[in-house]
Amino acid sequence: MTDYNLDIAEAVILQTNNVACTTNSLPVFKDELVLTNKNIIYVCIGVFGRVKEIKKYPLEQIKMYNNKPQVLILKAKEAVMLIITQLIFTI
């Protein structure tokens, strides 16, 4: 299990595997995406299954418009896309 290095008052709400960040040229569905009460955490898994990089995106930095977060979820065939401002994750 990956150590997400959570804050003392932070808890995992949702976690999924087989994620790809589609800002990469050729997405490979092997990464993890974790939602906590404070962050969205993207865990990049390397070639041999080891954690290559962990990126945290604070929920407080997600843009709001008319009290609604600027997040879009799209479903297409066998994939679900989570779009957050400039980030696109395919699940």
PDB file of N, CA and C in Angstrom:
ATOM      1  N   MET A   1       0.834  -1.182   0.000  1.00  0.00           N
ATOM      2  CA  MET A   1       0.000   0.000   0.000  1.00  0.00           C
ATOM      3  C   MET A   1       0.882   1.249   0.000  1.00  0.00           C
ATOM      4  N   THR A   2       0.462   2.245  -0.739  1.00  0.00           N
ATOM      5  CA  THR A   2       1.208   3.485  -0.866  1.00  0.00           C
ATOM      6  C   THR A   2       1.023   4.354   0.370  1.00  0.00           C
ATOM      7  N   ASP A   3       2.111   4.966   0.830  1.00  0.00           N
ATOM      8  CA  ASP A   3       2.039   5.923   1.935  1.00  0.00           C
ATOM      9  C   ASP A   3       1.756   7.292   1.325  1.00  0.00           C
ATOM     10  N   TYR A   4       0.560   7.804   1.561  1.00  0.00           N
ATOM     11  CA  TYR A   4       0.147   9.079   0.970  1.00  0.00           C
ATOM     12  C   TYR A   4       0.626  10.273   1.782  1.00  0.00           C
ATOM     13  N   ASN A   5       1.244  10.033   2.939  1.00  0.00           N
ATOM     14  CA  ASN A   5       1.753  11.101   3.798  1.00  0.00           C
ATOM     15  C   ASN A   5       0.645  12.106   4.125  1.00  0.00           C
ATOM     16  N   LEU A   6      -0.445  11.607   4.701  1.00  0.00           N
ATOM     17  CA  LEU A   6      -1.605  12.436   5.016  1.00  0.00           C
ATOM     18  C   LEU A   6      -1.363  13.257   6.272  1.00  0.00           C
ATOM     19  N   ASP A   7      -2.038  14.414   6.339  1.00  0.00           N
ATOM     20  CA  ASP A   7      -2.019  15.228   7.552  1.00  0.00           C
ATOM     21  C   ASP A   7      -2.765  14.502   8.655  1.00  0.00           C
ATOM     22  N   ILE A   8      -2.594  14.968   9.870  1.00  0.00           N
ATOM     23  CA  ILE A   8      -3.207  14.322  11.023  1.00  0.00           C
ATOM     24  C   ILE A   8      -4.739  14.338  10.955  1.00  0.00           C
ATOM     25  N   ALA A   9      -5.318  15.385  10.362  1.00  0.00           N
ATOM     26  CA  ALA A   9      -6.781  15.497  10.265  1.00  0.00           C
ATOM     27  C   ALA A   9      -7.282  15.162   8.858  1.00  0.00           C
ATOM     28  N   GLU A  10      -6.488  14.417   8.084  1.00  0.00           N
ATOM     29  CA  GLU A  10      -6.851  14.083   6.706  1.00  0.00           C
ATOM     30  C   GLU A  10      -7.203  12.603   6.608  1.00  0.00           C
ATOM     31  N   ALA A  11      -8.251  12.309   5.853  1.00  0.00           N
ATOM     32  CA  ALA A  11      -8.705  10.919   5.707  1.00  0.00           C
ATOM     33  C   ALA A  11      -9.034  10.625   4.246  1.00  0.00           C
ATOM     34  N   VAL A  12      -8.779   9.385   3.832  1.00  0.00           N
ATOM     35  CA  VAL A  12      -9.098   8.946   2.474  1.00  0.00           C
ATOM     36  C   VAL A  12     -10.606   8.750   2.352  1.00  0.00           C
ATOM     37  N   ILE A  13     -11.182   9.342   1.314  1.00  0.00           N
ATOM     38  CA  ILE A  13     -12.616   9.197   1.036  1.00  0.00           C
ATOM     39  C   ILE A  13     -12.827   8.182  -0.079  1.00  0.00           C
ATOM     40  N   LEU A  14     -12.057   8.321  -1.154  1.00  0.00           N
ATOM     41  CA  LEU A  14     -12.126   7.411  -2.300  1.00  0.00           C
ATOM     42  C   LEU A  14     -10.723   7.142  -2.816  1.00  0.00           C
ATOM     43  N   GLN A  15     -10.520   5.938  -3.347  1.00  0.00           N
ATOM     44  CA  GLN A  15      -9.231   5.569  -3.922  1.00  0.00           C
ATOM     45  C   GLN A  15      -9.491   4.629  -5.083  1.00  0.00           C
ATOM     46  N   THR A  16      -8.805   4.862  -6.205  1.00  0.00           N
ATOM     47  CA  THR A  16      -8.954   3.977  -7.350  1.00  0.00           C
ATOM     48  C   THR A  16      -7.604   3.749  -8.027  1.00  0.00           C
ATOM     49  N   ASN A  17      -7.456   2.566  -8.612  1.00  0.00           N
ATOM     50  CA  ASN A  17      -6.259   2.205  -9.368  1.00  0.00           C
ATOM     51  C   ASN A  17      -6.574   2.281 -10.855  1.00  0.00           C
ATOM     52  N   ASN A  18      -5.601   1.944 -11.674  1.00  0.00           N
ATOM     53  CA  ASN A  18      -5.764   1.923 -13.133  1.00  0.00           C
ATOM     54  C   ASN A  18      -6.171   3.284 -13.674  1.00  0.00           C
ATOM     55  N   VAL A  19      -5.443   4.302 -13.251  1.00  0.00           N
ATOM     56  CA  VAL A  19      -5.693   5.683 -13.648  1.00  0.00           C
ATOM     57  C   VAL A  19      -4.544   6.145 -14.526  1.00  0.00           C
ATOM     58  N   ALA A  20      -4.844   7.025 -15.467  1.00  0.00           N
ATOM     59  CA  ALA A  20      -3.806   7.631 -16.291  1.00  0.00           C
ATOM     60  C   ALA A  20      -4.028   9.131 -16.342  1.00  0.00           C
ATOM     61  N   CYS A  21      -2.959   9.875 -16.225  1.00  0.00           N
ATOM     62  CA  CYS A  21      -3.023  11.320 -16.400  1.00  0.00           C
ATOM     63  C   CYS A  21      -2.846  11.571 -17.891  1.00  0.00           C
ATOM     64  N   THR A  22      -3.880  12.074 -18.541  1.00  0.00           N
ATOM     65  CA  THR A  22      -3.831  12.184 -20.004  1.00  0.00           C
ATOM     66  C   THR A  22      -3.096  13.417 -20.489  1.00  0.00           C
ATOM     67  N   THR A  23      -2.400  14.116 -19.593  1.00  0.00           N
ATOM     68  CA  THR A  23      -1.499  15.153 -20.074  1.00  0.00           C
ATOM     69  C   THR A  23      -0.219  14.507 -20.602  1.00  0.00           C
ATOM     70  N   ASN A  24      -0.032  13.200 -20.302  1.00  0.00           N
ATOM     71  CA  ASN A  24       1.092  12.445 -20.856  1.00  0.00           C
ATOM     72  C   ASN A  24       0.787  12.114 -22.314  1.00  0.00           C
ATOM     73  N   SER A  25       1.818  11.923 -23.127  1.00  0.00           N
ATOM     74  CA  SER A  25       1.605  11.637 -24.548  1.00  0.00           C
ATOM     75  C   SER A  25       0.930  10.288 -24.777  1.00  0.00           C
ATOM     76  N   LEU A  26       1.363   9.255 -24.078  1.00  0.00           N
ATOM     77  CA  LEU A  26       0.736   7.936 -24.174  1.00  0.00           C
ATOM     78  C   LEU A  26       0.308   7.493 -22.780  1.00  0.00           C
ATOM     79  N   PRO A  27      -0.959   7.699 -22.418  1.00  0.00           N
ATOM     80  CA  PRO A  27      -1.379   7.328 -21.063  1.00  0.00           C
ATOM     81  C   PRO A  27      -1.342   5.823 -20.846  1.00  0.00           C
ATOM     82  N   VAL A  28      -0.792   5.422 -19.713  1.00  0.00           N
ATOM     83  CA  VAL A  28      -0.754   4.023 -19.311  1.00  0.00           C
ATOM     84  C   VAL A  28      -1.559   3.922 -18.021  1.00  0.00           C
ATOM     85  N   PHE A  29      -2.565   3.059 -18.006  1.00  0.00           N
ATOM     86  CA  PHE A  29      -3.501   2.973 -16.895  1.00  0.00           C
ATOM     87  C   PHE A  29      -2.947   2.105 -15.771  1.00  0.00           C
ATOM     88  N   LYS A  30      -2.024   2.663 -14.986  1.00  0.00           N
ATOM     89  CA  LYS A  30      -1.424   1.916 -13.890  1.00  0.00           C
ATOM     90  C   LYS A  30      -1.280   2.748 -12.623  1.00  0.00           C
ATOM     91  N   ASP A  31      -1.647   4.012 -12.693  1.00  0.00           N
ATOM     92  CA  ASP A  31      -1.462   4.922 -11.576  1.00  0.00           C
ATOM     93  C   ASP A  31      -2.648   4.876 -10.611  1.00  0.00           C
ATOM     94  N   GLU A  32      -2.566   5.644  -9.529  1.00  0.00           N
ATOM     95  CA  GLU A  32      -3.618   5.705  -8.514  1.00  0.00           C
ATOM     96  C   GLU A  32      -4.126   7.135  -8.385  1.00  0.00           C
ATOM     97  N   LEU A  33      -5.402   7.277  -8.052  1.00  0.00           N
ATOM     98  CA  LEU A  33      -5.991   8.569  -7.765  1.00  0.00           C
ATOM     99  C   LEU A  33      -6.733   8.438  -6.449  1.00  0.00           C
ATOM    100  N   VAL A  34      -6.451   9.349  -5.511  1.00  0.00           N
ATOM    101  CA  VAL A  34      -7.007   9.282  -4.168  1.00  0.00           C
ATOM    102  C   VAL A  34      -7.673  10.612  -3.847  1.00  0.00           C
ATOM    103  N   LEU A  35      -8.878  10.550  -3.315  1.00  0.00           N
ATOM    104  CA  LEU A  35      -9.579  11.736  -2.845  1.00  0.00           C
ATOM    105  C   LEU A  35      -9.581  11.701  -1.328  1.00  0.00           C
ATOM    106  N   THR A  36      -9.091  12.765  -0.704  1.00  0.00           N
ATOM    107  CA  THR A  36      -9.166  12.894   0.748  1.00  0.00           C
ATOM    108  C   THR A  36     -10.047  14.104   1.059  1.00  0.00           C
ATOM    109  N   ASN A  37     -10.252  14.367   2.312  1.00  0.00           N
ATOM    110  CA  ASN A  37     -11.046  15.528   2.680  1.00  0.00           C
ATOM    111  C   ASN A  37     -10.283  16.836   2.463  1.00  0.00           C
ATOM    112  N   LYS A  38      -8.992  16.757   2.094  1.00  0.00           N
ATOM    113  CA  LYS A  38      -8.195  17.958   1.864  1.00  0.00           C
ATOM    114  C   LYS A  38      -7.532  18.037   0.491  1.00  0.00           C
ATOM    115  N   ASN A  39      -7.289  16.891  -0.143  1.00  0.00           N
ATOM    116  CA  ASN A  39      -6.503  16.866  -1.377  1.00  0.00           C
ATOM    117  C   ASN A  39      -7.029  15.831  -2.373  1.00  0.00           C
ATOM    118  N   ILE A  40      -6.641  16.039  -3.622  1.00  0.00           N
ATOM    119  CA  ILE A  40      -6.684  14.979  -4.621  1.00  0.00           C
ATOM    120  C   ILE A  40      -5.224  14.571  -4.792  1.00  0.00           C
ATOM    121  N   ILE A  41      -4.942  13.290  -4.616  1.00  0.00           N
ATOM    122  CA  ILE A  41      -3.566  12.796  -4.668  1.00  0.00           C
ATOM    123  C   ILE A  41      -3.421  11.892  -5.888  1.00  0.00           C
ATOM    124  N   TYR A  42      -2.433  12.213  -6.719  1.00  0.00           N
ATOM    125  CA  TYR A  42      -2.131  11.416  -7.907  1.00  0.00           C
ATOM    126  C   TYR A  42      -0.823  10.684  -7.668  1.00  0.00           C
ATOM    127  N   VAL A  43      -0.858   9.363  -7.720  1.00  0.00           N
ATOM    128  CA  VAL A  43       0.320   8.536  -7.479  1.00  0.00           C
ATOM    129  C   VAL A  43       0.762   7.945  -8.815  1.00  0.00           C
ATOM    130  N   CYS A  44       1.917   8.376  -9.276  1.00  0.00           N
ATOM    131  CA  CYS A  44       2.477   7.880 -10.537  1.00  0.00           C
ATOM    132  C   CYS A  44       3.298   6.630 -10.236  1.00  0.00           C
ATOM    133  N   ILE A  45       2.930   5.527 -10.872  1.00  0.00           N
ATOM    134  CA  ILE A  45       3.601   4.247 -10.672  1.00  0.00           C
ATOM    135  C   ILE A  45       4.598   4.030 -11.810  1.00  0.00           C
ATOM    136  N   GLY A  46       5.818   3.651 -11.454  1.00  0.00           N
ATOM    137  CA  GLY A  46       6.865   3.429 -12.442  1.00  0.00           C
ATOM    138  C   GLY A  46       6.747   2.091 -13.149  1.00  0.00           C
ATOM    139  N   VAL A  47       7.711   1.813 -13.993  1.00  0.00           N
ATOM    140  CA  VAL A  47       7.721   0.620 -14.836  1.00  0.00           C
ATOM    141  C   VAL A  47       7.658  -0.673 -14.025  1.00  0.00           C
ATOM    142  N   PHE A  48       8.355  -0.740 -12.915  1.00  0.00           N
ATOM    143  CA  PHE A  48       8.406  -1.965 -12.121  1.00  0.00           C
ATOM    144  C   PHE A  48       7.419  -1.977 -10.965  1.00  0.00           C
ATOM    145  N   GLY A  49       6.382  -1.126 -11.025  1.00  0.00           N
ATOM    146  CA  GLY A  49       5.338  -1.122 -10.012  1.00  0.00           C
ATOM    147  C   GLY A  49       5.666  -0.354  -8.749  1.00  0.00           C
ATOM    148  N   ARG A  50       6.752   0.375  -8.754  1.00  0.00           N
ATOM    149  CA  ARG A  50       7.118   1.182  -7.596  1.00  0.00           C
ATOM    150  C   ARG A  50       6.603   2.607  -7.774  1.00  0.00           C
ATOM    151  N   VAL A  51       6.377   3.286  -6.651  1.00  0.00           N
ATOM    152  CA  VAL A  51       5.899   4.672  -6.700  1.00  0.00           C
ATOM    153  C   VAL A  51       7.006   5.558  -7.258  1.00  0.00           C
ATOM    154  N   LYS A  52       6.694   6.226  -8.344  1.00  0.00           N
ATOM    155  CA  LYS A  52       7.651   7.107  -9.009  1.00  0.00           C
ATOM    156  C   LYS A  52       7.519   8.534  -8.471  1.00  0.00           C
ATOM    157  N   GLU A  53       6.269   8.957  -8.260  1.00  0.00           N
ATOM    158  CA  GLU A  53       6.019  10.330  -7.835  1.00  0.00           C
ATOM    159  C   GLU A  53       4.628  10.418  -7.218  1.00  0.00           C
ATOM    160  N   ILE A  54       4.480  11.271  -6.218  1.00  0.00           N
ATOM    161  CA  ILE A  54       3.178  11.550  -5.614  1.00  0.00           C
ATOM    162  C   ILE A  54       2.934  13.049  -5.726  1.00  0.00           C
ATOM    163  N   LYS A  55       1.813  13.414  -6.358  1.00  0.00           N
ATOM    164  CA  LYS A  55       1.453  14.825  -6.506  1.00  0.00           C
ATOM    165  C   LYS A  55       0.167  15.083  -5.727  1.00  0.00           C
ATOM    166  N   LYS A  56       0.168  16.163  -4.964  1.00  0.00           N
ATOM    167  CA  LYS A  56      -1.026  16.536  -4.198  1.00  0.00           C
ATOM    168  C   LYS A  56      -1.605  17.816  -4.773  1.00  0.00           C
ATOM    169  N   TYR A  57      -2.924  17.812  -4.957  1.00  0.00           N
ATOM    170  CA  TYR A  57      -3.645  18.973  -5.444  1.00  0.00           C
ATOM    171  C   TYR A  57      -4.666  19.357  -4.377  1.00  0.00           C
ATOM    172  N   PRO A  58      -4.404  20.422  -3.614  1.00  0.00           N
ATOM    173  CA  PRO A  58      -5.316  20.821  -2.540  1.00  0.00           C
ATOM    174  C   PRO A  58      -6.706  21.168  -3.071  1.00  0.00           C
ATOM    175  N   LEU A  59      -7.719  20.663  -2.402  1.00  0.00           N
ATOM    176  CA  LEU A  59      -9.094  20.941  -2.808  1.00  0.00           C
ATOM    177  C   LEU A  59      -9.403  22.427  -2.733  1.00  0.00           C
ATOM    178  N   GLU A  60      -8.763  23.124  -1.815  1.00  0.00           N
ATOM    179  CA  GLU A  60      -9.014  24.558  -1.665  1.00  0.00           C
ATOM    180  C   GLU A  60      -8.531  25.357  -2.869  1.00  0.00           C
ATOM    181  N   GLN A  61      -7.692  24.766  -3.730  1.00  0.00           N
ATOM    182  CA  GLN A  61      -7.210  25.467  -4.914  1.00  0.00           C
ATOM    183  C   GLN A  61      -8.069  25.220  -6.151  1.00  0.00           C
ATOM    184  N   ILE A  62      -9.090  24.369  -6.024  1.00  0.00           N
ATOM    185  CA  ILE A  62      -9.998  24.152  -7.149  1.00  0.00           C
ATOM    186  C   ILE A  62     -10.855  25.393  -7.307  1.00  0.00           C
ATOM    187  N   LYS A  63     -10.906  25.901  -8.513  1.00  0.00           N
ATOM    188  CA  LYS A  63     -11.645  27.128  -8.767  1.00  0.00           C
ATOM    189  C   LYS A  63     -13.137  26.929  -8.521  1.00  0.00           C
ATOM    190  N   MET A  64     -13.747  27.956  -7.935  1.00  0.00           N
ATOM    191  CA  MET A  64     -15.186  27.949  -7.658  1.00  0.00           C
ATOM    192  C   MET A  64     -15.844  29.036  -8.494  1.00  0.00           C
ATOM    193  N   TYR A  65     -17.049  28.761  -8.984  1.00  0.00           N
ATOM    194  CA  TYR A  65     -17.840  29.747  -9.713  1.00  0.00           C
ATOM    195  C   TYR A  65     -19.282  29.581  -9.269  1.00  0.00           C
ATOM    196  N   ASN A  66     -19.884  30.639  -8.755  1.00  0.00           N
ATOM    197  CA  ASN A  66     -21.248  30.580  -8.207  1.00  0.00           C
ATOM    198  C   ASN A  66     -21.386  29.475  -7.168  1.00  0.00           C
ATOM    199  N   ASN A  67     -20.379  29.360  -6.294  1.00  0.00           N
ATOM    200  CA  ASN A  67     -20.362  28.359  -5.219  1.00  0.00           C
ATOM    201  C   ASN A  67     -20.330  26.918  -5.718  1.00  0.00           C
ATOM    202  N   LYS A  68     -19.909  26.705  -6.950  1.00  0.00           N
ATOM    203  CA  LYS A  68     -19.791  25.357  -7.508  1.00  0.00           C
ATOM    204  C   LYS A  68     -18.346  25.112  -7.931  1.00  0.00           C
ATOM    205  N   PRO A  69     -17.787  23.949  -7.554  1.00  0.00           N
ATOM    206  CA  PRO A  69     -16.410  23.652  -7.973  1.00  0.00           C
ATOM    207  C   PRO A  69     -16.339  23.435  -9.477  1.00  0.00           C
ATOM    208  N   GLN A  70     -15.286  23.920 -10.078  1.00  0.00           N
ATOM    209  CA  GLN A  70     -15.102  23.785 -11.516  1.00  0.00           C
ATOM    210  C   GLN A  70     -14.449  22.441 -11.839  1.00  0.00           C
ATOM    211  N   VAL A  71     -15.237  21.386 -11.646  1.00  0.00           N
ATOM    212  CA  VAL A  71     -14.826  20.008 -11.880  1.00  0.00           C
ATOM    213  C   VAL A  71     -15.858  19.390 -12.801  1.00  0.00           C
ATOM    214  N   LEU A  72     -15.399  18.635 -13.762  1.00  0.00           N
ATOM    215  CA  LEU A  72     -16.292  18.000 -14.724  1.00  0.00           C
ATOM    216  C   LEU A  72     -15.975  16.515 -14.777  1.00  0.00           C
ATOM    217  N   ILE A  73     -17.013  15.675 -14.729  1.00  0.00           N
ATOM    218  CA  ILE A  73     -16.835  14.234 -14.860  1.00  0.00           C
ATOM    219  C   ILE A  73     -17.549  13.790 -16.125  1.00  0.00           C
ATOM    220  N   LEU A  74     -16.815  13.155 -17.012  1.00  0.00           N
ATOM    221  CA  LEU A  74     -17.364  12.675 -18.278  1.00  0.00           C
ATOM    222  C   LEU A  74     -17.245  11.163 -18.346  1.00  0.00           C
ATOM    223  N   LYS A  75     -18.257  10.504 -18.892  1.00  0.00           N
ATOM    224  CA  LYS A  75     -18.193   9.058 -19.094  1.00  0.00           C
ATOM    225  C   LYS A  75     -18.160   8.781 -20.592  1.00  0.00           C
ATOM    226  N   ALA A  76     -17.202   7.950 -21.006  1.00  0.00           N
ATOM    227  CA  ALA A  76     -17.074   7.593 -22.414  1.00  0.00           C
ATOM    228  C   ALA A  76     -16.675   6.128 -22.515  1.00  0.00           C
ATOM    229  N   LYS A  77     -17.531   5.326 -23.129  1.00  0.00           N
ATOM    230  CA  LYS A  77     -17.296   3.886 -23.285  1.00  0.00           C
ATOM    231  C   LYS A  77     -16.882   3.251 -21.969  1.00  0.00           C
ATOM    232  N   GLU A  78     -15.622   2.837 -21.846  1.00  0.00           N
ATOM    233  CA  GLU A  78     -15.157   2.147 -20.646  1.00  0.00           C
ATOM    234  C   GLU A  78     -14.347   3.051 -19.728  1.00  0.00           C
ATOM    235  N   ALA A  79     -14.326   4.344 -19.983  1.00  0.00           N
ATOM    236  CA  ALA A  79     -13.508   5.251 -19.181  1.00  0.00           C
ATOM    237  C   ALA A  79     -14.359   6.359 -18.573  1.00  0.00           C
ATOM    238  N   VAL A  80     -13.878   6.863 -17.472  1.00  0.00           N
ATOM    239  CA  VAL A  80     -14.475   8.030 -16.831  1.00  0.00           C
ATOM    240  C   VAL A  80     -13.379   9.076 -16.765  1.00  0.00           C
ATOM    241  N   MET A  81     -13.703  10.309 -17.162  1.00  0.00           N
ATOM    242  CA  MET A  81     -12.702  11.371 -17.127  1.00  0.00           C
ATOM    243  C   MET A  81     -13.066  12.377 -16.054  1.00  0.00           C
ATOM    244  N   LEU A  82     -12.092  12.731 -15.247  1.00  0.00           N
ATOM    245  CA  LEU A  82     -12.225  13.748 -14.222  1.00  0.00           C
ATOM    246  C   LEU A  82     -11.394  14.934 -14.684  1.00  0.00           C
ATOM    247  N   ILE A  83     -12.046  16.052 -14.941  1.00  0.00           N
ATOM    248  CA  ILE A  83     -11.346  17.228 -15.442  1.00  0.00           C
ATOM    249  C   ILE A  83     -11.397  18.313 -14.370  1.00  0.00           C
ATOM    250  N   ILE A  84     -10.227  18.736 -13.932  1.00  0.00           N
ATOM    251  CA  ILE A  84     -10.112  19.778 -12.921  1.00  0.00           C
ATOM    252  C   ILE A  84      -9.255  20.885 -13.514  1.00  0.00           C
ATOM    253  N   THR A  85      -9.860  21.987 -13.832  1.00  0.00           N
ATOM    254  CA  THR A  85      -9.188  23.121 -14.466  1.00  0.00           C
ATOM    255  C   THR A  85      -8.236  22.636 -15.556  1.00  0.00           C
ATOM    256  N   GLN A  86      -6.929  22.560 -15.285  1.00  0.00           N
ATOM    257  CA  GLN A  86      -5.961  22.182 -16.318  1.00  0.00           C
ATOM    258  C   GLN A  86      -5.535  20.729 -16.228  1.00  0.00           C
ATOM    259  N   LEU A  87      -6.093  19.969 -15.312  1.00  0.00           N
ATOM    260  CA  LEU A  87      -5.700  18.566 -15.142  1.00  0.00           C
ATOM    261  C   LEU A  87      -6.770  17.661 -15.692  1.00  0.00           C
ATOM    262  N   ILE A  88      -6.381  16.594 -16.355  1.00  0.00           N
ATOM    263  CA  ILE A  88      -7.331  15.609 -16.876  1.00  0.00           C
ATOM    264  C   ILE A  88      -6.844  14.227 -16.475  1.00  0.00           C
ATOM    265  N   PHE A  89      -7.675  13.495 -15.723  1.00  0.00           N
ATOM    266  CA  PHE A  89      -7.367  12.125 -15.317  1.00  0.00           C
ATOM    267  C   PHE A  89      -8.375  11.206 -15.971  1.00  0.00           C
ATOM    268  N   THR A  90      -7.928  10.098 -16.507  1.00  0.00           N
ATOM    269  CA  THR A  90      -8.809   9.091 -17.072  1.00  0.00           C
ATOM    270  C   THR A  90      -8.795   7.887 -16.155  1.00  0.00           C
ATOM    271  N   ILE A  91      -9.974   7.461 -15.743  1.00  0.00           N
ATOM    272  CA  ILE A  91     -10.117   6.363 -14.801  1.00  0.00           C
ATOM    273  C   ILE A  91     -10.726   5.162 -15.519  1.00  0.00           C
TER     274      ILE A  91
END
